[in-house]
């Protein structure tokens, strides 16, 4: 259920203005929409500061929070999402098509028209109290970033972490957001107890490229400092070279792993660029605007890994691709991870500590 705030119709603004400070270049129609989003000149001049898209937040009251999956590609079978959409604005984000289900564009809407779920922690607690619930690690941040900028105001992620802490429930977090440092008072003890670990995504070490790819995400150096802060607090951290963008960031693979290891990461992973559904035309628009000279090479390499297609959704191929180029990147990663001591699997998170705390008004057992 949504609480919808009144919003201005900004779909007809000049694309060059609308995209300032955002990742997507356009607000392409989602696959479920029948709306014409073409630009129309109404003859009225507008001030530039009135034409920049503002972030707007709507609210959803979820009936359930934990989402289950059976994908053999993923190391977890359940996840939660405090937010829908992501203000970081990463143009390559594979989660953009999920916004189409809400009737929004996977383009600029995905990073400006966000959904917050303020009752998430309450719903999570109810699900964990279910007598049939069996604990296994919950993943957070695998779709949209729980530490995107709006978390500073809404604190939904922190509230969910407090619930997980109270239940001694294991959690694995993926983020680019340095706001995670605010929650070290929770994550530090959980990490030391084997209940929490974090993956930090570092796409590039080039600050200019990062600003274009991920306009509202923290700078690369700041993310490395975040890795250091987490590890010093006792939280195991995996540096994620994700995504590897052929012909654009692939040359940095070894340097990213080196920087992550020096910051204290004890493991590493990588994922190839994924361009499902509406992401492909959005990414190609971005390439044409910012790197026109490389666009042909980038897309040629992408298609070489997916049987001449922009994306192959098949399990076992969608995260890494196939063919000589994909195999070369895999070998480079394996060699660098081995050299840096990042090739060992992280210890499994503990599920044996899970315990349902007493509810308000409950009486402790006389036989406990």
Protein backbone atom coordinates (compact mmCIF):
# COMPACT_ATOMS: atom_id res chain seq x y z
CA UNK A 1 0.00 0.00 0.00
CA UNK A 2 1.37 3.43 -0.92
CA UNK A 3 0.95 6.84 0.64
CA UNK A 4 1.35 9.07 -2.38
CA UNK A 5 2.54 12.64 -2.03
CA UNK A 6 1.60 15.24 -4.64
CA UNK A 7 4.33 15.36 -7.25
CA UNK A 8 5.11 17.72 -10.13
CA UNK A 9 5.16 16.23 -13.60
CA UNK A 10 8.81 16.56 -14.59
CA UNK A 11 8.88 14.05 -17.43
CA UNK A 12 8.72 16.79 -20.08
CA UNK A 13 11.74 18.78 -18.92
CA UNK A 14 14.81 19.21 -21.06
CA UNK A 15 16.79 15.93 -20.69
CA UNK A 16 20.09 17.78 -20.46
CA UNK A 17 18.80 19.66 -17.43
CA UNK A 18 16.92 16.78 -15.83
CA UNK A 19 20.01 14.56 -15.83
CA UNK A 20 22.21 16.97 -13.83
CA UNK A 21 23.55 15.06 -10.83
CA UNK A 22 21.81 11.83 -11.93
CA UNK A 23 22.98 8.60 -13.52
CA UNK A 24 20.35 7.91 -16.19
CA UNK A 25 20.22 10.25 -19.15
CA UNK A 26 16.49 9.80 -19.77
CA UNK A 27 13.23 8.64 -18.23
CA UNK A 28 12.44 5.88 -20.70
CA UNK A 29 9.00 4.33 -20.53
CA UNK A 30 8.85 1.12 -18.49
CA UNK A 31 7.67 -2.05 -20.19
CA UNK A 32 4.30 -1.91 -18.39
CA UNK A 33 3.57 1.74 -19.20
CA UNK A 34 1.56 3.22 -22.05
CA UNK A 35 2.70 6.78 -21.35
CA UNK A 36 4.32 9.10 -23.89
CA UNK A 37 7.34 10.62 -22.16
CA UNK A 38 8.58 12.59 -25.16
CA UNK A 39 9.75 16.14 -24.50
CA UNK A 40 7.25 18.87 -25.43
CA UNK A 41 8.22 22.56 -25.63
CA UNK A 42 5.38 24.58 -24.10
CA UNK A 43 6.97 27.93 -25.00
CA UNK A 44 7.66 28.95 -21.40
CA UNK A 45 11.22 29.60 -20.27
CA UNK A 46 12.21 28.03 -16.96
CA UNK A 47 14.94 28.81 -14.50
CA UNK A 48 17.64 26.12 -14.55
CA UNK A 49 17.39 25.44 -10.80
CA UNK A 50 13.68 24.74 -11.25
CA UNK A 51 14.39 22.07 -13.85
CA UNK A 52 16.67 19.79 -11.85
CA UNK A 53 14.89 16.67 -10.65
CA UNK A 54 14.42 16.49 -6.89
CA UNK A 55 14.32 13.27 -4.90
CA UNK A 56 10.81 12.47 -3.70
CA UNK A 57 9.84 9.67 -1.31
CA UNK A 58 6.61 7.72 -1.07
CA UNK A 59 5.75 5.22 1.64
CA UNK A 60 4.77 1.58 1.45
CA UNK A 61 3.28 -0.46 4.28
CA UNK A 62 4.57 -3.98 3.59
CA UNK A 63 2.57 -7.04 4.56
CA UNK A 64 5.72 -9.18 4.41
CA UNK A 65 9.39 -8.30 4.22
CA UNK A 66 11.53 -11.40 3.73
CA UNK A 67 11.81 -12.40 0.07
CA UNK A 68 12.90 -15.96 -0.69
CA UNK A 69 14.77 -17.16 -3.79
CA UNK A 70 16.03 -20.47 -5.16
CA UNK A 71 18.64 -19.15 -7.56
CA UNK A 72 21.73 -21.40 -7.81
CA UNK A 73 23.75 -18.28 -8.70
CA UNK A 74 23.24 -16.69 -5.29
CA UNK A 75 24.86 -17.65 -1.96
CA UNK A 76 21.73 -16.78 0.03
CA UNK A 77 18.10 -17.88 -0.08
CA UNK A 78 16.43 -14.83 1.51
CA UNK A 79 16.74 -11.06 1.50
CA UNK A 80 15.02 -7.89 2.63
CA UNK A 81 14.79 -4.43 1.05
CA UNK A 82 14.10 -1.36 3.20
CA UNK A 83 13.73 0.79 0.05
CA UNK A 84 12.61 0.53 -3.57
CA UNK A 85 14.65 2.56 -6.03
CA UNK A 86 18.05 3.98 -5.19
CA UNK A 87 19.25 7.57 -5.03
CA UNK A 88 22.86 6.57 -5.73
CA UNK A 89 21.82 6.60 -9.40
CA UNK A 90 24.25 3.95 -10.66
CA UNK A 91 23.48 3.89 -14.38
CA UNK A 92 24.40 0.20 -14.67
CA UNK A 93 22.16 -0.98 -11.81
CA UNK A 94 20.50 -4.30 -12.71
CA UNK A 95 17.65 -3.50 -10.28
CA UNK A 96 16.31 -0.62 -12.38
CA UNK A 97 13.69 -2.78 -14.17
CA UNK A 98 11.98 -3.49 -10.83
CA UNK A 99 10.69 0.08 -10.85
CA UNK A 100 8.60 -0.74 -13.92
CA UNK A 101 6.41 -2.96 -11.74
CA UNK A 102 5.47 0.16 -9.76
CA UNK A 103 4.42 2.05 -12.90
CA UNK A 104 7.60 4.15 -12.82
CA UNK A 105 10.41 4.50 -15.34
CA UNK A 106 13.56 2.46 -14.71
CA UNK A 107 15.41 5.59 -15.80
CA UNK A 108 15.36 8.80 -13.79
CA UNK A 109 12.30 7.69 -11.78
CA UNK A 110 14.36 4.85 -10.30
CA UNK A 111 16.75 7.32 -8.69
CA UNK A 112 14.33 10.17 -7.90
CA UNK A 113 10.94 8.59 -7.06
CA UNK A 114 11.80 6.34 -4.16
CA UNK A 115 9.74 4.06 -1.93
CA UNK A 116 10.51 3.83 1.80
CA UNK A 117 9.05 1.08 3.99
CA UNK A 118 8.82 2.60 7.49
CA UNK A 119 7.17 -0.45 9.09
CA UNK A 120 9.85 -2.82 7.80
CA UNK A 121 11.41 -3.53 11.20
CA UNK A 122 8.03 -4.30 12.79
CA UNK A 123 7.10 -6.70 9.96
CA UNK A 124 10.54 -8.32 10.13
CA UNK A 125 10.16 -8.97 13.85
CA UNK A 126 6.76 -10.57 13.28
CA UNK A 127 8.21 -12.88 10.65
CA UNK A 128 11.15 -13.90 12.83
CA UNK A 129 8.75 -14.71 15.69
CA UNK A 130 6.81 -17.17 13.54
CA UNK A 131 7.24 -20.62 15.09
CA UNK A 132 7.89 -22.15 11.68
CA UNK A 133 10.73 -19.74 10.87
CA UNK A 134 14.15 -21.38 10.43
CA UNK A 135 17.13 -18.98 10.55
CA UNK A 136 19.54 -18.64 7.67
CA UNK A 137 21.57 -15.55 6.72
CA UNK A 138 19.48 -12.65 5.47
CA UNK A 139 21.02 -10.61 2.65
CA UNK A 140 20.41 -6.86 2.50
CA UNK A 141 21.48 -4.59 -0.34
CA UNK A 142 21.35 -7.17 -3.12
CA UNK A 143 18.67 -5.17 -4.95
CA UNK A 144 18.88 -1.54 -3.82
CA UNK A 145 21.34 -0.03 -1.36
CA UNK A 146 20.05 0.09 2.24
CA UNK A 147 22.52 2.90 3.00
CA UNK A 148 21.48 5.24 0.19
CA UNK A 149 21.16 8.92 1.23
CA UNK A 150 17.50 8.80 2.34
CA UNK A 151 18.42 6.29 5.08
CA UNK A 152 19.94 9.20 7.02
CA UNK A 153 16.46 10.61 7.56
CA UNK A 154 14.34 7.45 7.71
CA UNK A 155 16.69 5.06 9.60
CA UNK A 156 14.77 2.00 8.39
CA UNK A 157 17.93 -0.03 7.89
CA UNK A 158 19.12 0.75 11.41
CA UNK A 159 15.77 -0.33 12.85
CA UNK A 160 15.98 -3.62 10.93
CA UNK A 161 19.52 -4.19 12.20
CA UNK A 162 18.36 -3.69 15.77
CA UNK A 163 15.76 -6.42 15.27
CA UNK A 164 18.34 -8.79 13.79
CA UNK A 165 20.70 -8.06 16.66
CA UNK A 166 18.01 -8.78 19.25
CA UNK A 167 17.31 -12.15 17.63
CA UNK A 168 21.01 -12.98 17.11
CA UNK A 169 20.14 -13.41 13.45
CA UNK A 170 22.96 -13.56 10.84
CA UNK A 171 23.05 -10.84 8.17
CA UNK A 172 25.14 -10.16 5.07
CA UNK A 173 25.09 -6.59 3.73
CA UNK A 174 26.15 -5.20 0.35
CA UNK A 175 26.58 -1.44 0.11
CA UNK A 176 28.41 1.55 -1.30
CA UNK A 177 27.04 3.84 1.38
CA UNK A 178 29.37 5.21 4.03
CA UNK A 179 26.34 5.78 6.27
CA UNK A 180 26.95 2.20 7.39
CA UNK A 181 29.61 3.61 9.72
CA UNK A 182 26.79 5.08 11.81
CA UNK A 183 25.75 1.54 12.68
CA UNK A 184 29.13 0.21 13.79
CA UNK A 185 27.79 0.10 17.33
CA UNK A 186 25.48 -2.69 16.12
CA UNK A 187 27.55 -4.28 13.38
CA UNK A 188 30.84 -4.38 15.30
CA UNK A 189 29.62 -6.76 18.05
CA UNK A 190 27.61 -8.77 15.51
CA UNK A 191 30.66 -9.15 13.29
CA UNK A 192 32.81 -10.27 16.20
CA UNK A 193 30.15 -12.85 17.12
CA UNK A 194 30.05 -14.27 13.59
CA UNK A 195 26.63 -12.78 12.88
CA UNK A 196 27.46 -10.10 10.30
CA UNK A 197 29.65 -9.42 7.30
CA UNK A 198 29.70 -6.70 4.65
CA UNK A 199 30.50 -6.51 0.97
CA UNK A 200 31.65 -3.11 -0.31
CA UNK A 201 31.28 -2.47 -4.03
CA UNK A 202 34.15 -0.56 -5.68
CA UNK A 203 33.45 -0.13 -9.38
CA UNK A 204 36.42 2.10 -10.23
CA UNK A 205 39.21 3.98 -8.49
CA UNK A 206 38.84 6.88 -10.96
CA UNK A 207 36.92 9.60 -9.10
CA UNK A 208 35.73 11.31 -12.30
CA UNK A 209 34.43 8.09 -13.83
CA UNK A 210 32.79 7.13 -10.55
CA UNK A 211 30.97 10.47 -10.40
CA UNK A 212 29.55 9.87 -13.87
CA UNK A 213 28.65 6.20 -13.29
CA UNK A 214 27.38 6.52 -9.71
CA UNK A 215 26.64 10.23 -9.22
CA UNK A 216 25.35 10.12 -5.63
CA UNK A 217 27.44 7.25 -4.29
CA UNK A 218 30.51 7.94 -2.12
CA UNK A 219 33.82 8.52 -3.87
CA UNK A 220 36.16 5.51 -4.29
CA UNK A 221 38.64 6.68 -1.64
CA UNK A 222 35.81 7.15 0.82
CA UNK A 223 34.61 3.59 0.24
CA UNK A 224 38.10 2.29 0.93
CA UNK A 225 38.11 4.25 4.20
CA UNK A 226 34.77 2.61 5.00
CA UNK A 227 36.32 -0.84 4.51
CA UNK A 228 39.01 0.12 6.98
CA UNK A 229 36.49 1.38 9.55
CA UNK A 230 34.42 -1.80 9.29
CA UNK A 231 37.37 -4.16 9.65
CA UNK A 232 38.77 -2.20 12.59
CA UNK A 233 35.37 -2.62 14.30
CA UNK A 234 35.56 -6.39 13.81
CA UNK A 235 33.30 -6.77 10.77
CA UNK A 236 34.61 -9.09 8.03
CA UNK A 237 34.59 -7.24 4.68
CA UNK A 238 34.64 -8.47 1.10
CA UNK A 239 35.82 -6.03 -1.57
CA UNK A 240 33.60 -6.38 -4.62
CA UNK A 241 34.85 -5.41 -8.06
CA UNK A 242 31.32 -5.02 -9.25
CA UNK A 243 30.40 -4.60 -11.96
CA UNK A 244 33.39 -5.09 -14.22
CA UNK A 245 32.55 -2.96 -17.26
CA UNK A 246 34.29 -4.26 -20.40
CA UNK A 247 36.42 -1.65 -22.12
CA UNK A 248 35.82 0.90 -19.37
CA UNK A 249 36.75 -0.36 -15.87
CA UNK A 250 38.16 -3.82 -16.62
CA UNK A 251 41.77 -2.61 -16.59
CA UNK A 252 41.36 -1.63 -12.92
CA UNK A 253 40.46 -5.10 -11.62
CA UNK A 254 43.82 -5.85 -9.96
CA UNK A 255 44.18 -2.30 -8.61
CA UNK A 256 40.73 -2.45 -6.98
CA UNK A 257 41.57 -5.74 -5.25
CA UNK A 258 44.93 -4.35 -4.13
CA UNK A 259 43.31 -1.24 -2.67
CA UNK A 260 40.68 -3.34 -0.91
CA UNK A 261 43.28 -5.64 0.62
CA UNK A 262 45.33 -2.69 1.85
CA UNK A 263 42.17 -1.29 3.47
CA UNK A 264 41.66 -4.54 5.40
CA UNK A 265 39.29 -6.65 3.28
CA UNK A 266 39.78 -10.37 3.80
CA UNK A 267 37.89 -11.63 0.72
CA UNK A 268 36.98 -10.50 -2.79
CA UNK A 269 34.45 -11.14 -5.54
CA UNK A 270 33.54 -9.86 -8.98
CA UNK A 271 30.50 -9.67 -11.23
CA UNK A 272 30.41 -8.73 -14.90
CA UNK A 273 28.24 -5.87 -16.14
CA UNK A 274 24.60 -6.97 -16.47
CA UNK A 275 22.17 -5.18 -18.80
CA UNK A 276 18.73 -6.75 -18.31
CA UNK A 277 15.61 -5.28 -19.94
CA UNK A 278 15.53 -1.46 -19.76
CA UNK A 279 19.07 -1.22 -18.36
CA UNK A 280 20.68 -1.82 -21.75
CA UNK A 281 19.20 1.20 -23.61
CA UNK A 282 19.75 3.39 -20.53
CA UNK A 283 23.40 2.35 -20.30
CA UNK A 284 23.93 2.83 -24.03
CA UNK A 285 22.47 6.34 -23.78
CA UNK A 286 24.94 7.03 -20.99
CA UNK A 287 27.84 5.71 -23.06
CA UNK A 288 26.83 7.81 -26.05
CA UNK A 289 26.81 10.96 -23.92
CA UNK A 290 29.92 10.45 -21.78
CA UNK A 291 32.16 7.97 -23.66
CA UNK A 292 31.08 7.97 -27.33
CA UNK A 293 34.51 6.84 -28.50
CA UNK A 294 34.34 3.69 -26.39
CA UNK A 295 30.67 2.82 -26.81
CA UNK A 296 31.19 0.47 -29.75
CA UNK A 297 33.97 -1.48 -28.04
CA UNK A 298 32.09 -1.77 -24.74
CA UNK A 299 28.93 -3.15 -26.33
CA UNK A 300 30.87 -5.44 -28.65
CA UNK A 301 32.58 -7.07 -25.68
CA UNK A 302 29.26 -7.32 -23.81
CA UNK A 303 27.60 -9.07 -26.75
CA UNK A 304 30.58 -11.38 -27.25
CA UNK A 305 29.87 -12.75 -23.76
CA UNK A 306 26.13 -13.25 -24.35
CA UNK A 307 25.81 -14.90 -27.77
CA UNK A 308 25.45 -11.56 -29.60
CA UNK A 309 22.78 -10.35 -27.13
CA UNK A 310 23.00 -7.50 -24.64
CA UNK A 311 22.19 -9.89 -21.78
CA UNK A 312 21.71 -13.58 -21.10
CA UNK A 313 19.50 -14.27 -18.05
CA UNK A 314 20.38 -17.97 -17.82
CA UNK A 315 21.66 -19.23 -14.47
CA UNK A 316 25.36 -19.93 -14.54
CA UNK A 317 25.96 -17.32 -17.25
CA UNK A 318 24.18 -14.13 -16.24
CA UNK A 319 26.70 -12.99 -13.59
CA UNK A 320 29.95 -13.70 -15.47
CA UNK A 321 29.20 -14.23 -19.14
CA UNK A 322 30.92 -16.80 -21.35
CA UNK A 323 33.61 -16.85 -24.01
CA UNK A 324 37.29 -15.84 -24.20
CA UNK A 325 36.94 -12.35 -22.73
CA UNK A 326 34.91 -13.53 -19.71
CA UNK A 327 37.39 -16.37 -19.13
CA UNK A 328 40.31 -13.92 -19.25
CA UNK A 329 38.73 -11.65 -16.62
CA UNK A 330 38.04 -14.69 -14.42
CA UNK A 331 41.69 -15.80 -14.65
CA UNK A 332 42.93 -12.31 -13.85
CA UNK A 333 40.67 -12.14 -10.80
CA UNK A 334 41.74 -15.55 -9.53
CA UNK A 335 45.44 -14.70 -9.90
CA UNK A 336 45.11 -11.34 -8.14
CA UNK A 337 42.95 -12.69 -5.33
CA UNK A 338 45.42 -15.53 -4.71
CA UNK A 339 48.38 -13.15 -4.67
CA UNK A 340 46.64 -10.81 -2.21
CA UNK A 341 45.28 -13.53 0.08
CA UNK A 342 41.69 -12.72 -0.84
CA UNK A 343 40.84 -16.12 -2.31
CA UNK A 344 39.82 -17.85 0.92
CA UNK A 345 36.11 -18.26 1.58
CA UNK A 346 34.80 -16.25 4.52
CA UNK A 347 33.59 -18.31 7.49
CA UNK A 348 29.90 -19.17 7.40
CA UNK A 349 27.70 -16.87 9.42
CA UNK A 350 26.37 -18.47 12.59
CA UNK A 351 22.75 -19.56 12.76
CA UNK A 352 23.06 -21.49 16.02
CA UNK A 353 22.85 -18.33 18.15
CA UNK A 354 19.35 -17.46 16.92
CA UNK A 355 16.94 -16.92 19.81
CA UNK A 356 13.51 -15.33 19.91
CA UNK A 357 13.55 -12.62 22.61
CA UNK A 358 10.67 -12.19 25.01
CA UNK A 359 7.89 -9.93 23.85
CA UNK A 360 6.67 -7.14 26.10
CA UNK A 361 4.55 -8.73 28.82
CA UNK A 362 5.95 -12.26 28.31
CA UNK A 363 7.07 -14.18 31.38
CA UNK A 364 10.39 -16.04 31.33
CA UNK A 365 10.18 -19.82 31.67
CA UNK A 366 10.78 -21.26 35.14
CA UNK A 367 12.79 -24.03 33.52
CA UNK A 368 15.05 -21.89 31.33
